[in-house]
N, C-alpha and C. Protein backbone atom coordinates (compact mmCIF):
# COMPACT_ATOMS: atom_id res chain seq x y z
N TRP A 1 107.63 95.13 92.59
CA TRP A 1 108.22 96.69 93.03
C TRP A 1 108.40 96.57 94.55
N ASN A 2 109.83 96.83 94.55
CA ASN A 2 110.47 96.85 95.96
C ASN A 2 110.29 98.51 96.71
N ASN A 3 110.08 99.40 95.72
CA ASN A 3 109.81 100.40 96.30
C ASN A 3 108.29 101.25 96.24
N ARG A 4 107.38 101.23 96.96
CA ARG A 4 105.85 101.24 97.35
C ARG A 4 105.64 102.46 97.48
N ASN A 5 106.25 103.52 96.95
CA ASN A 5 105.73 104.84 97.20
C ASN A 5 106.08 105.51 98.47
N LEU A 6 107.20 105.06 99.29
CA LEU A 6 107.73 105.14 100.15
C LEU A 6 108.09 106.94 100.55
N PHE A 7 108.32 107.30 99.40
CA PHE A 7 108.67 108.80 99.80
C PHE A 7 107.52 109.68 100.32
N LYS A 8 106.41 109.28 99.64
CA LYS A 8 105.11 110.07 100.02
C LYS A 8 105.00 110.28 101.57
N ALA A 9 105.43 108.84 102.11
CA ALA A 9 105.23 109.68 104.06
C ALA A 9 106.43 110.31 104.58
N LEU A 10 107.43 110.21 103.47
CA LEU A 10 108.73 111.63 103.93
C LEU A 10 108.12 112.87 103.53
N SER A 11 107.66 112.86 102.39
CA SER A 11 106.95 114.45 102.18
C SER A 11 106.12 115.03 102.88
N HIS A 12 105.08 113.69 103.30
CA HIS A 12 104.10 114.28 104.11
C HIS A 12 104.87 114.73 105.38
N ALA A 13 105.63 114.45 106.13
CA ALA A 13 106.04 114.59 107.15
C ALA A 13 106.61 115.81 107.15
N ILE A 14 107.73 116.14 106.07
CA ILE A 14 108.27 117.60 105.88
C ILE A 14 107.41 118.70 105.50
N GLN A 15 106.19 118.63 104.68
CA GLN A 15 105.28 119.27 104.92
C GLN A 15 104.61 119.87 106.17
N THR A 16 104.34 118.82 106.92
CA THR A 16 103.89 118.98 108.16
C THR A 16 104.94 119.94 109.24
N HIS A 17 105.99 119.74 109.24
CA HIS A 17 106.58 120.38 109.85
C HIS A 17 107.05 121.42 109.66
N PHE A 18 106.78 121.86 108.13
CA PHE A 18 106.85 123.54 107.82
C PHE A 18 105.28 123.90 107.94
N ARG A 19 104.13 123.43 107.56
CA ARG A 19 102.85 123.76 108.33
C ARG A 19 102.99 123.98 109.64
N ARG A 20 103.46 123.29 110.55
CA ARG A 20 102.80 123.61 112.13
C ARG A 20 104.21 123.90 112.66
N ARG A 21 104.97 124.36 112.13
CA ARG A 21 106.39 124.70 112.70
C ARG A 21 106.95 124.22 114.11
N GLU A 22 106.96 122.72 113.99
CA GLU A 22 107.04 121.96 114.94
C GLU A 22 107.81 120.71 114.17
N ALA A 23 108.12 119.75 115.07
CA ALA A 23 109.21 118.50 114.15
C ALA A 23 108.01 117.34 113.91
N PRO A 24 107.67 116.83 112.71
CA PRO A 24 106.73 115.80 113.14
C PRO A 24 106.71 114.77 113.69
N TYR A 25 107.65 114.53 114.49
CA TYR A 25 108.20 113.32 115.22
C TYR A 25 108.98 113.56 116.36
N PRO A 26 108.87 113.19 117.59
CA PRO A 26 109.63 113.44 118.68
C PRO A 26 111.19 113.41 118.36
N VAL A 27 111.82 114.71 118.87
CA VAL A 27 113.16 114.25 118.45
C VAL A 27 113.95 113.54 119.38
N GLU A 28 113.30 113.28 120.43
CA GLU A 28 113.59 111.92 121.31
C GLU A 28 114.00 110.75 120.44
N ARG A 29 113.44 110.18 119.69
CA ARG A 29 113.31 109.30 118.43
C ARG A 29 114.74 109.49 117.76
N THR A 30 115.25 110.60 117.23
CA THR A 30 116.70 110.66 116.69
C THR A 30 117.63 110.52 117.53
N LEU A 31 117.52 111.18 119.04
CA LEU A 31 118.60 110.73 119.86
C LEU A 31 118.90 109.63 120.54
N LEU A 32 117.73 108.64 120.41
CA LEU A 32 117.76 107.42 120.85
C LEU A 32 118.27 106.34 119.83
N VAL A 33 117.77 106.97 118.41
CA VAL A 33 118.31 105.59 117.32
C VAL A 33 119.66 106.06 117.19
N THR A 34 120.00 107.70 117.13
CA THR A 34 121.74 107.97 117.10
C THR A 34 122.24 107.17 118.00
N GLY A 35 122.13 107.41 119.21
CA GLY A 35 122.58 106.66 120.56
C GLY A 35 122.75 105.00 120.33
N ILE A 36 121.95 104.16 119.92
CA ILE A 36 121.63 103.06 119.29
C ILE A 36 122.84 102.58 118.12
N LEU A 37 123.17 103.24 117.26
CA LEU A 37 123.51 103.18 116.00
C LEU A 37 125.17 103.59 116.85
N ASP A 38 125.42 104.71 117.57
CA ASP A 38 126.80 104.83 118.03
C ASP A 38 127.21 103.66 118.91
N ALA A 39 126.13 102.99 119.81
CA ALA A 39 126.71 101.86 120.69
C ALA A 39 126.95 100.60 119.81
N ALA A 40 126.29 100.48 118.63
CA ALA A 40 126.34 99.51 118.04
C ALA A 40 127.86 99.29 117.18
N MET A 41 128.50 100.81 116.76
CA MET A 41 129.35 100.82 115.88
C MET A 41 130.22 100.44 117.07
N ASP A 42 130.47 101.21 118.06
CA ASP A 42 131.74 101.30 119.20
C ASP A 42 131.56 99.54 119.57
N SER A 43 130.45 98.63 119.60
CA SER A 43 130.64 97.00 120.01
C SER A 43 131.66 96.78 118.68
N ARG A 44 131.10 96.95 117.57
CA ARG A 44 131.54 96.20 116.22
C ARG A 44 133.11 96.60 116.43
N VAL A 45 133.25 97.56 116.80
CA VAL A 45 135.16 98.12 116.53
C VAL A 45 135.71 97.34 117.72
N GLN A 46 134.73 96.63 118.70
CA GLN A 46 135.71 96.02 119.76
C GLN A 46 135.17 94.77 119.67
N SER A 47 135.00 94.05 118.76
CA SER A 47 134.68 92.83 118.42
C SER A 47 133.76 92.04 118.85
N GLY A 48 132.83 93.03 118.69
CA GLY A 48 131.54 92.44 119.61
C GLY A 48 131.06 92.63 120.58
N LYS A 49 131.93 93.52 121.74
CA LYS A 49 131.92 93.26 122.96
C LYS A 49 130.47 94.22 123.41
N TRP A 50 129.99 93.85 124.45
CA TRP A 50 128.66 93.76 125.05
C TRP A 50 129.02 95.37 125.64
N LEU A 51 128.36 96.23 125.36
CA LEU A 51 128.36 97.84 125.92
C LEU A 51 127.46 97.88 126.62
N GLU A 52 127.58 98.31 128.08
CA GLU A 52 126.50 99.41 128.79
C GLU A 52 125.89 100.35 128.26
N THR A 53 124.62 100.47 127.86
CA THR A 53 124.12 102.06 127.83
C THR A 53 123.10 102.99 128.48
N PRO A 54 123.54 103.12 129.78
CA PRO A 54 122.68 103.87 130.91
C PRO A 54 122.53 105.11 130.05
N HIS A 55 122.85 105.54 129.17
CA HIS A 55 122.82 107.09 128.86
C HIS A 55 121.45 106.88 128.07
N LEU A 56 121.01 105.36 127.37
CA LEU A 56 120.00 105.42 126.45
C LEU A 56 118.60 104.58 127.45
N ALA A 57 118.90 105.30 128.81
CA ALA A 57 117.84 104.45 129.63
C ALA A 57 116.64 105.68 129.88
N TRP A 58 115.86 105.98 128.83
CA TRP A 58 114.65 106.83 129.42
C TRP A 58 113.53 106.60 128.01
N ARG A 59 112.60 107.10 128.32
CA ARG A 59 111.23 107.08 127.32
C ARG A 59 111.06 108.30 126.96
N TYR A 60 110.23 108.09 125.86
CA TYR A 60 109.57 109.02 125.43
C TYR A 60 108.18 108.86 124.97
N THR A 61 107.21 109.61 124.89
CA THR A 61 105.54 109.37 124.18
C THR A 61 105.79 109.75 122.62
N PRO A 62 105.54 108.63 121.80
CA PRO A 62 105.55 109.16 120.43
C PRO A 62 104.21 109.52 120.05
N LYS A 63 104.01 110.26 118.86
CA LYS A 63 103.38 110.77 118.55
C LYS A 63 102.37 109.34 117.38
N ASP A 64 101.14 109.66 117.23
CA ASP A 64 100.19 109.24 116.54
C ASP A 64 100.55 109.51 115.55
N PHE A 65 100.79 108.39 114.46
CA PHE A 65 101.40 108.71 112.90
C PHE A 65 100.53 108.11 111.72
N ARG A 66 99.40 107.05 112.18
CA ARG A 66 98.59 106.75 111.72
C ARG A 66 97.50 107.17 110.53
N ALA A 67 97.65 108.83 110.61
CA ALA A 67 96.85 109.44 109.84
C ALA A 67 97.82 109.97 108.75
N MET A 68 99.32 109.96 108.77
CA MET A 68 100.26 110.39 107.84
C MET A 68 100.83 108.77 107.31
N ARG A 69 100.65 107.70 107.90
CA ARG A 69 101.04 106.62 107.16
C ARG A 69 100.76 106.35 106.12
N GLU A 70 101.53 105.65 105.39
CA GLU A 70 100.79 104.86 104.27
C GLU A 70 100.87 103.26 104.40
N MET A 71 99.36 103.12 104.85
CA MET A 71 98.66 102.03 105.08
C MET A 71 98.47 100.89 104.15
N GLY A 72 98.65 100.86 102.94
CA GLY A 72 99.20 99.48 101.66
C GLY A 72 97.91 100.41 100.95
N ALA A 73 96.87 101.36 101.27
CA ALA A 73 96.25 101.65 100.16
C ALA A 73 96.71 101.77 98.73
N THR A 74 97.58 102.44 98.71
CA THR A 74 98.33 103.31 97.28
C THR A 74 98.63 101.73 96.44
N TRP A 75 99.12 100.98 97.30
CA TRP A 75 99.50 99.47 96.96
C TRP A 75 98.51 98.87 95.76
N LYS A 76 97.28 99.14 96.41
CA LYS A 76 96.49 98.05 95.48
C LYS A 76 96.36 98.55 94.25
N ARG A 77 96.84 99.69 93.88
CA ARG A 77 96.73 100.72 92.42
C ARG A 77 97.94 99.64 91.65
N ILE A 78 98.66 99.10 92.33
CA ILE A 78 99.58 98.14 91.20
C ILE A 78 99.42 96.54 91.51
N PRO A 79 98.31 96.01 90.78
CA PRO A 79 97.99 94.65 90.72
C PRO A 79 99.07 93.74 90.52
N PRO A 80 98.88 92.86 91.38
CA PRO A 80 99.76 91.43 91.45
C PRO A 80 100.61 90.98 89.95
N GLY A 81 101.62 91.08 89.93
CA GLY A 81 101.82 90.54 88.80
C GLY A 81 102.29 91.56 88.01
N THR A 82 102.01 92.64 88.19
CA THR A 82 102.59 93.90 87.32
C THR A 82 104.06 93.96 87.38
N PRO A 83 104.81 93.69 86.17
CA PRO A 83 105.89 93.97 86.14
C PRO A 83 106.81 95.22 86.47
N GLU A 84 107.91 95.20 86.98
CA GLU A 84 108.58 96.46 87.24
C GLU A 84 109.22 97.09 86.13
N PRO A 85 109.08 98.59 86.27
CA PRO A 85 109.36 99.40 84.71
C PRO A 85 111.02 98.71 84.81
N ARG A 86 111.28 98.83 83.42
CA ARG A 86 112.79 98.33 82.90
C ARG A 86 113.53 99.41 83.49
N TRP A 87 113.78 100.69 83.67
CA TRP A 87 114.71 101.29 83.76
C TRP A 87 115.03 101.04 85.78
N LEU A 88 114.44 100.64 86.42
CA LEU A 88 114.39 100.62 87.67
C LEU A 88 115.63 99.78 87.70
N ASP A 89 116.54 100.14 88.50
CA ASP A 89 117.96 99.55 89.11
C ASP A 89 118.12 99.15 90.04
N HIS A 90 118.11 97.69 90.27
CA HIS A 90 118.22 97.29 91.53
C HIS A 90 119.75 96.71 92.21
N ALA A 91 120.97 97.03 90.95
CA ALA A 91 121.97 96.80 91.40
C ALA A 91 122.81 96.98 92.38
N ASP A 92 122.38 98.66 93.19
CA ASP A 92 123.11 98.86 94.25
C ASP A 92 122.74 97.91 95.40
N LEU A 93 121.60 97.16 95.70
CA LEU A 93 120.73 96.70 96.60
C LEU A 93 121.87 95.08 96.48
N HIS A 94 122.59 94.77 95.89
CA HIS A 94 123.23 93.46 95.91
C HIS A 94 124.41 93.36 95.70
N ARG A 95 124.97 94.44 96.47
CA ARG A 95 126.64 95.03 96.47
C ARG A 95 126.72 94.42 98.12
């Protein structure tokens, strides 16, 4: 099974957002990842040129997500060797 209930963590984060009225993770993480992806795409357009990213030289304190994370306990509900349902289509993964 290539998708082991990964939507559960996202659902939990969304619920936490609405209950606590605050972002469930630091907004800085989104800004940092967006900046990295932007630099990567700019580099690709420029034939892989090395780009300086001084605007990404900052830190943030991450929150502890262990209480919300899927640590593999639900995977044990699917014993090894259990075939994937026939309706799962992985064609998009191989394009």
